Amino acid sequence: MQLSRGWGRQKGDSYVVPMKPTRIGSTFLLLGLIAACSVGVTLPQEQGGRANLHGRVETLIVGGGPNKKYNQAGIESNVRYVDLLLPSESARRVLFADGDRSSKSVFCEGDKQDYFREPKLAHIDGPSSNTAIDTELASMAKAMSAKPETPALIYFTGHGGANRKSDFQDNYYCTWKDDQLPVTDLATSIARFPKTTPIVLVMVECYSGAFGNLLFEDGQPDSELVDRPICGFFAATAQRMSAGCTPEVNEADYRDFTGYFFAALSGFDRLGKRISGADYDHDGKVTMDEAYAYTLIHDDSIDTPVCTSDVFLRRYVKIPDADCFDNTYQDVSTWATPAQRAALDALKATLGLHGAGDMQDVYHEFRQADPVGSDSRTVHLIRFCRLYKTIGLTHELMTAGDRQTQDRFKALVRREHTNPLVDRPGR
């Protein structure tokens, strides 16, 4: 079974997108990250036509391709969806493509021929260029100094590129006019924020997992942990493409990280349908780590999501992969959080794995699989094995790690166990 996938191909260190997606039968292989072009989002509304959520979060939304040709309707749909989910009282800025609402910059696929049209967004505050992004982040950081407890949400949707010379550690987001925003440059912009401002990053472009390095000073994976409350969720590992960025206009067909993650977090998908089942600890609310687990289970695409606690553990807990799979399934399931356990069980069932004991056969299959494969089994195998390792590394850290590292990890996990769309500062 083939899954919705990145709509394009790699060439060297860049991302090259053809003008037509590949079809399997009558089904399009979707790319990068969600969206639609002509279908509007109809969410339960309050003032201003926004979702009825009551958090308070300062938000920067960045979306767009590197140029008009690759500025697909799917990217625009992601921008529209996330903007509509934000609580009405929350300030937000939107950077999209060339920054001009009257420009026919959105590439759509028509029944008979492809076409370009104007963006269907409530507002656009500027282009998705390097200069505009840096300027907006600087302004946001300055504004946060007066309300340091208010969380900042920074969301990127579009295309990403792989920097193989850095061993995928300094990958980049593709900005307008065929420019690039690497991990290290974004780290410089984020360093301007007050040290106490909680920052949430959600990035859904290909190779976005490298941005987990924003946990470290200057975005360098071998540097010290940053002294600020930051966490993030990313659509794919640093070495893999993600799903979305399609020119197709039927949003009901979209399968990607943004759609599943934010649907679980808000309770509504991009079409306004209520979504439930992600409150794995049954405390009456859905947090980001639960939305992440929900996405691991339900995301019917090539996405192999990553979160900052994954990155933290792989930096500070050095155990060979094979040793992690010496742990029995029963033990690992016991160590897992409710959300992790739900995802582990669901992925196990999807893969048709049986028993609660030895996982070495699974690890052997994982080792033999194509690390960038796009078939369903490979994708779910990667998700399962990464989660299995994360749970094992957590257990090792909490039973044998030093106190300081344990405390910093627990603080990160607490940050991931929040919901910026609902939580209010000071609560």
Protein backbone atom coordinates (compact mmCIF):
# COMPACT_ATOMS: atom_id res chain seq x y z
CA MET A 1 0.00 0.00 0.00
CA GLN A 2 1.31 3.42 -0.98
CA LEU A 3 0.62 6.38 1.28
CA SER A 4 0.11 10.06 0.66
CA ARG A 5 3.57 11.38 0.10
CA GLY A 6 5.75 14.34 -0.65
CA TRP A 7 4.87 15.76 -4.05
CA GLY A 8 8.29 16.12 -5.57
CA ARG A 9 11.75 14.66 -5.70
CA GLN A 10 15.17 15.42 -4.35
CA LYS A 11 18.01 16.79 -6.43
CA GLY A 12 21.26 17.28 -4.59
CA ASP A 13 20.44 19.29 -1.48
CA SER A 14 17.35 20.92 -2.95
CA TYR A 15 13.71 20.01 -3.31
CA VAL A 16 12.46 19.85 -6.89
CA VAL A 17 8.72 19.79 -7.50
CA PRO A 18 7.21 18.66 -10.82
CA MET A 19 4.12 20.34 -12.20
CA LYS A 20 1.99 17.22 -11.80
CA PRO A 21 1.63 14.83 -8.86
CA THR A 22 1.96 11.10 -9.43
CA ARG A 23 -1.23 9.05 -9.48
CA ILE A 24 -1.79 5.51 -8.25
CA GLY A 25 -4.96 4.50 -10.01
CA SER A 26 -7.18 7.51 -9.48
CA THR A 27 -5.60 8.53 -6.18
CA PHE A 28 -3.15 11.40 -5.99
CA LEU A 29 -0.02 11.00 -3.99
CA LEU A 30 -0.18 14.06 -1.80
CA LEU A 31 2.94 15.88 -0.78
CA GLY A 32 4.28 17.78 2.02
CA LEU A 33 1.47 19.10 4.09
CA ILE A 34 -2.22 19.60 3.68
CA ALA A 35 -4.66 21.72 2.15
CA ALA A 36 -7.14 22.85 -0.28
CA CYS A 37 -7.75 25.62 -2.51
CA SER A 38 -11.37 26.49 -3.05
CA VAL A 39 -13.09 24.75 -0.13
CA GLY A 40 -13.56 27.00 2.90
CA VAL A 41 -13.26 25.87 6.49
CA THR A 42 -16.51 25.94 8.47
CA LEU A 43 -15.57 25.63 12.11
CA PRO A 44 -17.85 26.18 15.10
CA GLN A 45 -17.69 29.93 15.42
CA GLU A 46 -17.73 32.76 17.85
CA GLN A 47 -16.71 36.37 17.25
CA GLY A 48 -14.86 36.90 13.98
CA GLY A 49 -15.78 33.48 12.61
CA ARG A 50 -13.13 31.67 14.63
CA ALA A 51 -13.10 28.36 16.43
CA ASN A 52 -14.52 28.55 19.94
CA LEU A 53 -11.23 28.06 21.78
CA HIS A 54 -10.15 30.17 24.72
CA GLY A 55 -6.39 30.01 25.07
CA ARG A 56 -4.13 33.01 24.75
CA VAL A 57 -1.18 32.53 22.46
CA GLU A 58 0.84 34.92 20.31
CA THR A 59 1.23 33.34 16.89
CA LEU A 60 3.31 33.65 13.75
CA ILE A 61 2.11 31.60 10.77
CA VAL A 62 4.50 31.21 7.86
CA GLY A 63 3.37 29.55 4.66
CA GLY A 64 4.25 29.54 1.00
CA GLY A 65 6.43 27.90 -1.57
CA PRO A 66 9.83 29.16 -2.69
CA ASN A 67 8.12 30.64 -5.76
CA LYS A 68 4.73 30.89 -7.43
CA LYS A 69 5.12 27.61 -9.30
CA TYR A 70 5.47 25.65 -6.06
CA ASN A 71 3.06 27.65 -3.92
CA GLN A 72 0.38 24.95 -3.93
CA ALA A 73 -3.19 25.27 -2.68
CA GLY A 74 -2.41 22.78 0.08
CA ILE A 75 0.01 25.20 1.71
CA GLU A 76 -2.59 27.96 1.64
CA SER A 77 -5.17 25.62 3.19
CA ASN A 78 -2.86 24.87 6.10
CA VAL A 79 -2.41 28.56 6.76
CA ARG A 80 -6.15 29.16 6.67
CA TYR A 81 -6.93 26.19 8.91
CA VAL A 82 -4.44 27.03 11.66
CA ASP A 83 -5.41 30.72 11.57
CA LEU A 84 -9.08 29.83 12.06
CA LEU A 85 -8.25 27.61 15.03
CA LEU A 86 -6.51 30.36 16.98
CA PRO A 87 -8.46 31.83 19.91
CA SER A 88 -10.11 35.11 18.93
CA GLU A 89 -8.23 37.15 21.55
CA SER A 90 -4.85 35.89 20.44
CA ALA A 91 -2.64 38.13 18.34
CA ARG A 92 -1.40 36.57 15.12
CA ARG A 93 0.65 37.54 12.08
CA VAL A 94 0.48 35.70 8.77
CA LEU A 95 3.29 35.62 6.22
CA PHE A 96 2.32 34.01 2.94
CA ALA A 97 4.03 33.69 -0.44
CA ASP A 98 4.64 37.14 -1.98
CA GLY A 99 2.53 38.86 0.69
CA ASP A 100 0.00 40.24 -1.82
CA ARG A 101 -3.66 39.19 -1.48
CA SER A 102 -4.38 40.40 -5.02
CA SER A 103 -1.58 38.39 -6.61
CA LYS A 104 -2.48 35.17 -8.42
CA SER A 105 0.15 33.26 -6.49
CA VAL A 106 -1.66 30.05 -5.47
CA PHE A 107 -1.17 27.06 -7.76
CA CYS A 108 -4.28 24.87 -8.11
CA GLU A 109 -5.10 21.77 -10.06
CA GLY A 110 -8.21 22.04 -12.19
CA ASP A 111 -10.32 19.33 -13.79
CA LYS A 112 -9.11 20.27 -17.25
CA GLN A 113 -6.06 22.40 -16.63
CA ASP A 114 -4.03 23.82 -13.78
CA TYR A 115 -4.36 27.47 -12.85
CA PHE A 116 -3.22 30.21 -10.49
CA ARG A 117 -5.55 32.29 -8.32
CA GLU A 118 -5.50 34.86 -5.54
CA PRO A 119 -5.08 33.64 -1.93
CA LYS A 120 -8.29 32.97 -0.01
CA LEU A 121 -6.96 34.07 3.36
CA ALA A 122 -8.54 36.45 5.86
CA HIS A 123 -5.39 38.51 6.02
CA ILE A 124 -1.77 38.49 4.95
CA ASP A 125 0.76 40.61 6.79
CA GLY A 126 3.73 40.10 4.52
CA PRO A 127 5.70 37.68 2.35
CA SER A 128 7.22 34.42 3.56
CA SER A 129 10.71 35.79 2.93
CA ASN A 130 13.76 35.57 5.16
CA THR A 131 13.67 39.28 5.89
CA ALA A 132 9.96 39.30 6.75
CA ILE A 133 10.27 36.24 8.98
CA ASP A 134 13.20 37.70 10.88
CA THR A 135 11.43 41.06 11.24
CA GLU A 136 8.21 39.47 12.51
CA LEU A 137 10.06 37.30 15.01
CA ALA A 138 12.01 40.31 16.26
CA SER A 139 8.77 42.28 16.73
CA MET A 140 7.11 39.31 18.40
CA ALA A 141 10.05 38.88 20.77
CA LYS A 142 9.92 42.56 21.73
CA ALA A 143 6.17 42.41 22.36
CA MET A 144 6.57 39.32 24.54
CA SER A 145 8.82 41.19 26.98
CA ALA A 146 5.67 42.84 28.39
CA LYS A 147 3.87 39.49 28.82
CA PRO A 148 6.59 36.86 29.26
CA GLU A 149 4.25 34.14 30.52
CA THR A 150 2.14 34.21 27.35
CA PRO A 151 3.14 31.36 25.02
CA ALA A 152 4.31 31.92 21.46
CA LEU A 153 3.24 29.55 18.69
CA ILE A 154 5.39 29.53 15.55
CA TYR A 155 3.99 27.47 12.67
CA PHE A 156 5.66 26.78 9.32
CA THR A 157 4.03 25.07 6.35
CA GLY A 158 5.56 24.72 2.91
CA HIS A 159 8.61 23.04 1.45
CA GLY A 160 11.84 21.98 3.11
CA GLY A 161 15.29 21.04 1.94
CA ALA A 162 17.98 18.66 3.18
CA ASN A 163 21.48 19.88 4.00
CA ARG A 164 23.49 16.71 3.55
CA LYS A 165 26.76 18.49 4.18
CA SER A 166 25.62 18.98 7.78
CA ASP A 167 24.46 15.34 7.99
CA PHE A 168 20.87 16.64 7.92
CA GLN A 169 21.43 18.67 11.11
CA ASP A 170 21.04 22.12 9.51
CA ASN A 171 18.18 21.52 7.08
CA TYR A 172 16.17 24.47 5.87
CA TYR A 173 12.68 25.80 5.24
CA CYS A 174 12.23 27.09 1.68
CA THR A 175 11.36 30.78 1.79
CA TRP A 176 9.96 33.05 -0.89
CA LYS A 177 12.12 33.98 -3.89
CA ASP A 178 13.91 30.61 -3.76
CA ASP A 179 15.71 31.44 -0.53
CA GLN A 180 16.40 29.24 2.49
CA LEU A 181 15.95 29.52 6.26
CA PRO A 182 18.21 26.97 7.97
CA VAL A 183 17.95 25.73 11.53
CA THR A 184 20.86 27.87 12.68
CA ASP A 185 19.35 31.10 11.32
CA LEU A 186 15.98 30.43 12.97
CA ALA A 187 17.86 29.74 16.21
CA THR A 188 19.36 33.23 16.02
CA SER A 189 15.91 34.79 15.64
CA ILE A 190 14.40 32.80 18.52
CA ALA A 191 17.30 33.75 20.81
CA ARG A 192 15.83 37.28 20.95
CA PHE A 193 12.76 36.11 22.89
CA PRO A 194 12.61 36.60 26.65
CA LYS A 195 14.08 33.61 28.46
CA THR A 196 10.79 32.92 30.21
CA THR A 197 8.53 32.93 27.13
CA PRO A 198 7.14 29.46 26.41
CA ILE A 199 7.72 28.77 22.70
CA VAL A 200 5.93 26.09 20.68
CA LEU A 201 7.17 25.23 17.20
CA VAL A 202 5.15 23.23 14.69
CA MET A 203 6.88 22.68 11.36
CA VAL A 204 5.49 20.39 8.71
CA GLU A 205 7.80 20.71 5.72
CA CYS A 206 10.00 17.89 4.42
CA TYR A 207 13.10 17.18 6.53
CA SER A 208 11.63 19.31 9.33
CA GLY A 209 12.88 17.02 12.11
CA ALA A 210 16.23 18.83 12.00
CA PHE A 211 14.53 21.83 13.61
CA GLY A 212 14.40 19.82 16.80
CA ASN A 213 17.95 21.13 17.16
CA LEU A 214 16.42 24.42 18.28
CA LEU A 215 16.55 22.77 21.69
CA PHE A 216 20.27 23.56 21.64
CA GLU A 217 22.25 26.79 21.62
CA ASP A 218 22.65 28.23 18.11
CA GLY A 219 20.71 25.26 16.72
CA GLN A 220 23.83 23.12 16.97
CA PRO A 221 23.15 19.52 18.08
CA ASP A 222 26.41 19.32 20.04
CA SER A 223 25.83 22.56 21.96
CA GLU A 224 24.29 23.03 25.39
CA LEU A 225 20.55 22.87 25.94
CA VAL A 226 18.95 26.31 25.57
CA ASP A 227 17.90 28.00 28.80
CA ARG A 228 14.31 28.67 27.76
CA PRO A 229 10.98 26.79 27.75
CA ILE A 230 10.74 25.58 24.14
CA CYS A 231 9.22 22.51 22.55
CA GLY A 232 8.32 21.44 19.04
CA PHE A 233 6.55 18.96 16.82
CA PHE A 234 7.67 18.15 13.29
CA ALA A 235 6.14 16.19 10.43
CA ALA A 236 9.16 14.11 9.45
CA THR A 237 12.57 12.96 10.55
CA ALA A 238 15.49 15.03 9.33
CA GLN A 239 16.21 12.50 6.58
CA ARG A 240 12.69 12.07 5.21
CA MET A 241 10.06 13.86 3.19
CA SER A 242 6.61 14.64 4.59
CA ALA A 243 3.11 14.80 3.10
CA GLY A 244 1.07 17.83 1.96
CA CYS A 245 1.65 20.78 -0.36
CA THR A 246 -0.68 19.47 -3.03
CA PRO A 247 -2.28 21.60 -5.77
CA GLU A 248 -5.40 19.46 -5.44
CA VAL A 249 -8.39 21.43 -4.19
CA ASN A 250 -10.51 18.83 -2.40
CA GLU A 251 -9.62 19.23 1.26
CA ALA A 252 -11.52 16.07 2.20
CA ASP A 253 -8.74 14.07 0.55
CA TYR A 254 -5.88 15.58 2.55
CA ARG A 255 -3.77 13.31 4.72
CA ASP A 256 -0.92 15.01 6.59
CA PHE A 257 0.55 16.04 9.92
CA THR A 258 -1.14 19.44 10.16
CA GLY A 259 -4.58 17.98 9.60
CA TYR A 260 -4.30 15.25 12.23
CA PHE A 261 -2.26 17.13 14.84
CA PHE A 262 -4.39 20.28 14.92
CA ALA A 263 -7.65 18.35 14.61
CA ALA A 264 -6.76 16.39 17.73
CA LEU A 265 -5.55 19.51 19.54
CA SER A 266 -8.60 21.64 18.70
CA GLY A 267 -11.32 18.99 18.41
CA PHE A 268 -12.21 19.98 14.83
CA ASP A 269 -10.75 18.97 11.48
CA ARG A 270 -10.28 21.36 8.59
CA LEU A 271 -13.82 20.68 7.33
CA GLY A 272 -15.38 21.50 10.71
CA LYS A 273 -16.04 17.92 11.74
CA ARG A 274 -15.69 17.15 15.44
CA ILE A 275 -12.70 14.97 16.31
CA SER A 276 -12.43 12.98 19.53
CA GLY A 277 -10.47 10.09 20.97
CA ALA A 278 -7.17 11.83 21.69
CA ASP A 279 -7.67 12.37 25.44
CA TYR A 280 -5.65 9.29 26.31
CA ASP A 281 -5.21 10.08 30.01
CA HIS A 282 -8.93 10.91 30.37
CA ASP A 283 -8.36 14.23 32.14
CA GLY A 284 -10.88 16.10 30.02
CA LYS A 285 -8.45 17.87 27.68
CA VAL A 286 -6.11 17.05 24.80
CA THR A 287 -2.50 18.15 25.02
CA MET A 288 0.18 18.38 22.34
CA ASP A 289 1.82 15.08 23.25
CA GLU A 290 -1.59 13.42 22.98
CA ALA A 291 -2.23 15.09 19.61
CA TYR A 292 1.17 13.83 18.53
CA ALA A 293 0.28 10.26 19.54
CA TYR A 294 -3.06 10.61 17.73
CA THR A 295 -1.15 11.63 14.60
CA LEU A 296 1.23 8.66 14.87
CA ILE A 297 -1.83 6.41 14.87
CA HIS A 298 -4.07 8.04 12.28
CA ASP A 299 -1.89 9.99 9.82
CA ASP A 300 -2.42 8.08 6.56
CA SER A 301 0.65 9.45 4.80
CA ILE A 302 4.41 9.06 4.58
CA ASP A 303 4.90 11.31 7.64
CA THR A 304 7.28 10.03 10.32
CA PRO A 305 6.74 12.64 13.06
CA VAL A 306 9.34 13.84 15.54
CA CYS A 307 8.99 15.79 18.79
CA THR A 308 11.57 17.60 20.89
CA SER A 309 11.58 14.98 23.65
CA ASP A 310 12.71 12.45 21.00
CA VAL A 311 15.60 14.75 20.12
CA PHE A 312 16.51 15.33 23.77
CA LEU A 313 16.65 11.61 24.56
CA ARG A 314 18.79 10.74 21.55
CA ARG A 315 21.27 13.43 22.57
CA TYR A 316 21.56 12.60 26.27
CA VAL A 317 20.89 8.85 26.53
CA LYS A 318 23.45 6.86 24.56
CA ILE A 319 22.20 3.30 24.21
CA PRO A 320 22.60 1.21 21.04
CA ASP A 321 19.35 0.70 19.17
CA ALA A 322 19.64 -3.07 19.47
CA ASP A 323 19.73 -2.81 23.27
CA CYS A 324 16.45 -0.86 23.27
CA PHE A 325 14.80 -3.79 21.53
CA ASP A 326 16.07 -6.23 24.15
CA ASN A 327 13.29 -4.79 26.31
CA THR A 328 10.09 -6.84 26.05
CA TYR A 329 6.95 -5.26 24.66
CA GLN A 330 5.20 -5.83 27.97
CA ASP A 331 7.87 -3.87 29.84
CA VAL A 332 7.95 -1.01 27.33
CA SER A 333 4.16 -0.78 27.36
CA THR A 334 4.26 -0.53 31.15
CA TRP A 335 6.81 2.31 31.03
CA ALA A 336 4.84 4.31 28.43
CA THR A 337 2.52 7.22 29.09
CA PRO A 338 -1.15 6.62 28.25
CA ALA A 339 -0.72 8.44 24.92
CA GLN A 340 2.45 6.54 24.05
CA ARG A 341 0.82 3.25 24.99
CA ALA A 342 -2.17 3.96 22.76
CA ALA A 343 0.10 4.76 19.82
CA LEU A 344 2.35 1.77 20.48
CA ASP A 345 -0.59 -0.64 20.63
CA ALA A 346 -2.20 0.82 17.50
CA LEU A 347 1.02 0.71 15.49
CA LYS A 348 1.68 -2.83 16.70
CA ALA A 349 -1.77 -3.86 15.46
CA THR A 350 -1.28 -2.10 12.12
CA LEU A 351 1.98 -3.97 11.61
CA GLY A 352 0.36 -7.26 12.58
CA LEU A 353 2.82 -7.90 15.39
CA HIS A 354 1.90 -10.50 17.99
CA GLY A 355 2.92 -11.30 21.54
CA ALA A 356 4.27 -9.21 24.38
CA GLY A 357 7.84 -10.43 24.38
CA ASP A 358 10.81 -10.34 22.03
CA MET A 359 11.06 -7.38 19.63
CA GLN A 360 14.36 -8.33 17.99
CA ASP A 361 12.60 -9.58 14.85
CA VAL A 362 10.91 -6.20 14.52
CA TYR A 363 14.22 -4.44 14.96
CA HIS A 364 15.80 -6.68 12.32
CA GLU A 365 13.03 -5.81 9.86
CA PHE A 366 13.47 -2.13 10.68
CA ARG A 367 17.20 -2.38 9.99
CA GLN A 368 16.54 -3.98 6.61
CA ALA A 369 13.88 -1.49 5.53
CA ASP A 370 14.53 1.42 3.17
CA PRO A 371 15.00 4.42 5.52
CA VAL A 372 13.25 6.70 3.02
CA GLY A 373 10.68 4.15 1.84
CA SER A 374 7.11 5.35 1.28
CA ASP A 375 5.12 2.11 1.48
CA SER A 376 2.70 1.75 4.37
CA ARG A 377 4.59 -0.95 6.23
CA THR A 378 7.90 0.91 6.15
CA VAL A 379 6.31 4.14 7.37
CA HIS A 380 4.48 2.44 10.25
CA LEU A 381 7.56 0.40 11.10
CA ILE A 382 9.61 3.59 11.41
CA ARG A 383 6.97 5.19 13.62
CA PHE A 384 6.73 2.10 15.82
CA CYS A 385 10.46 1.60 16.25
CA ARG A 386 11.16 5.26 16.94
CA LEU A 387 8.44 5.34 19.60
CA TYR A 388 9.63 2.04 21.10
CA LYS A 389 13.14 3.49 21.39
CA THR A 390 11.88 6.77 22.88
CA ILE A 391 10.03 4.92 25.64
CA GLY A 392 13.07 2.75 26.36
CA LEU A 393 15.40 5.75 26.48
CA THR A 394 13.02 7.55 28.83
CA HIS A 395 13.04 4.59 31.20
CA GLU A 396 16.83 4.44 31.10
CA LEU A 397 17.16 8.15 31.80
CA MET A 398 14.69 8.12 34.68
CA THR A 399 16.25 5.08 36.34
CA ALA A 400 19.96 5.62 35.69
CA GLY A 401 20.44 9.21 34.53
CA ASP A 402 21.79 12.12 36.54
CA ARG A 403 19.33 14.31 38.42
CA GLN A 404 19.91 17.48 36.41
CA THR A 405 19.25 15.77 33.07
CA GLN A 406 16.19 14.06 34.51
CA ASP A 407 14.81 17.40 35.72
CA ARG A 408 15.38 19.11 32.39
CA PHE A 409 13.71 16.25 30.56
CA LYS A 410 10.71 16.31 32.87
CA ALA A 411 10.37 20.06 32.27
CA LEU A 412 10.38 19.46 28.51
CA VAL A 413 7.76 16.73 28.82
CA ARG A 414 5.58 19.07 30.88
CA ARG A 415 5.81 21.67 28.10
CA GLU A 416 4.77 19.09 25.52
CA HIS A 417 1.84 18.17 27.77
CA THR A 418 0.09 21.54 27.27
CA ASN A 419 -2.33 22.95 24.71
CA PRO A 420 -1.67 26.55 23.59
CA LEU A 421 -5.10 26.72 21.93
CA VAL A 422 -6.85 26.17 25.25
CA ASP A 423 -4.46 26.88 28.13
CA ARG A 424 -4.28 30.36 29.57
CA PRO A 425 -1.11 31.89 31.08
CA GLY A 426 -0.85 31.60 34.84
CA ARG A 427 -3.18 28.66 35.18
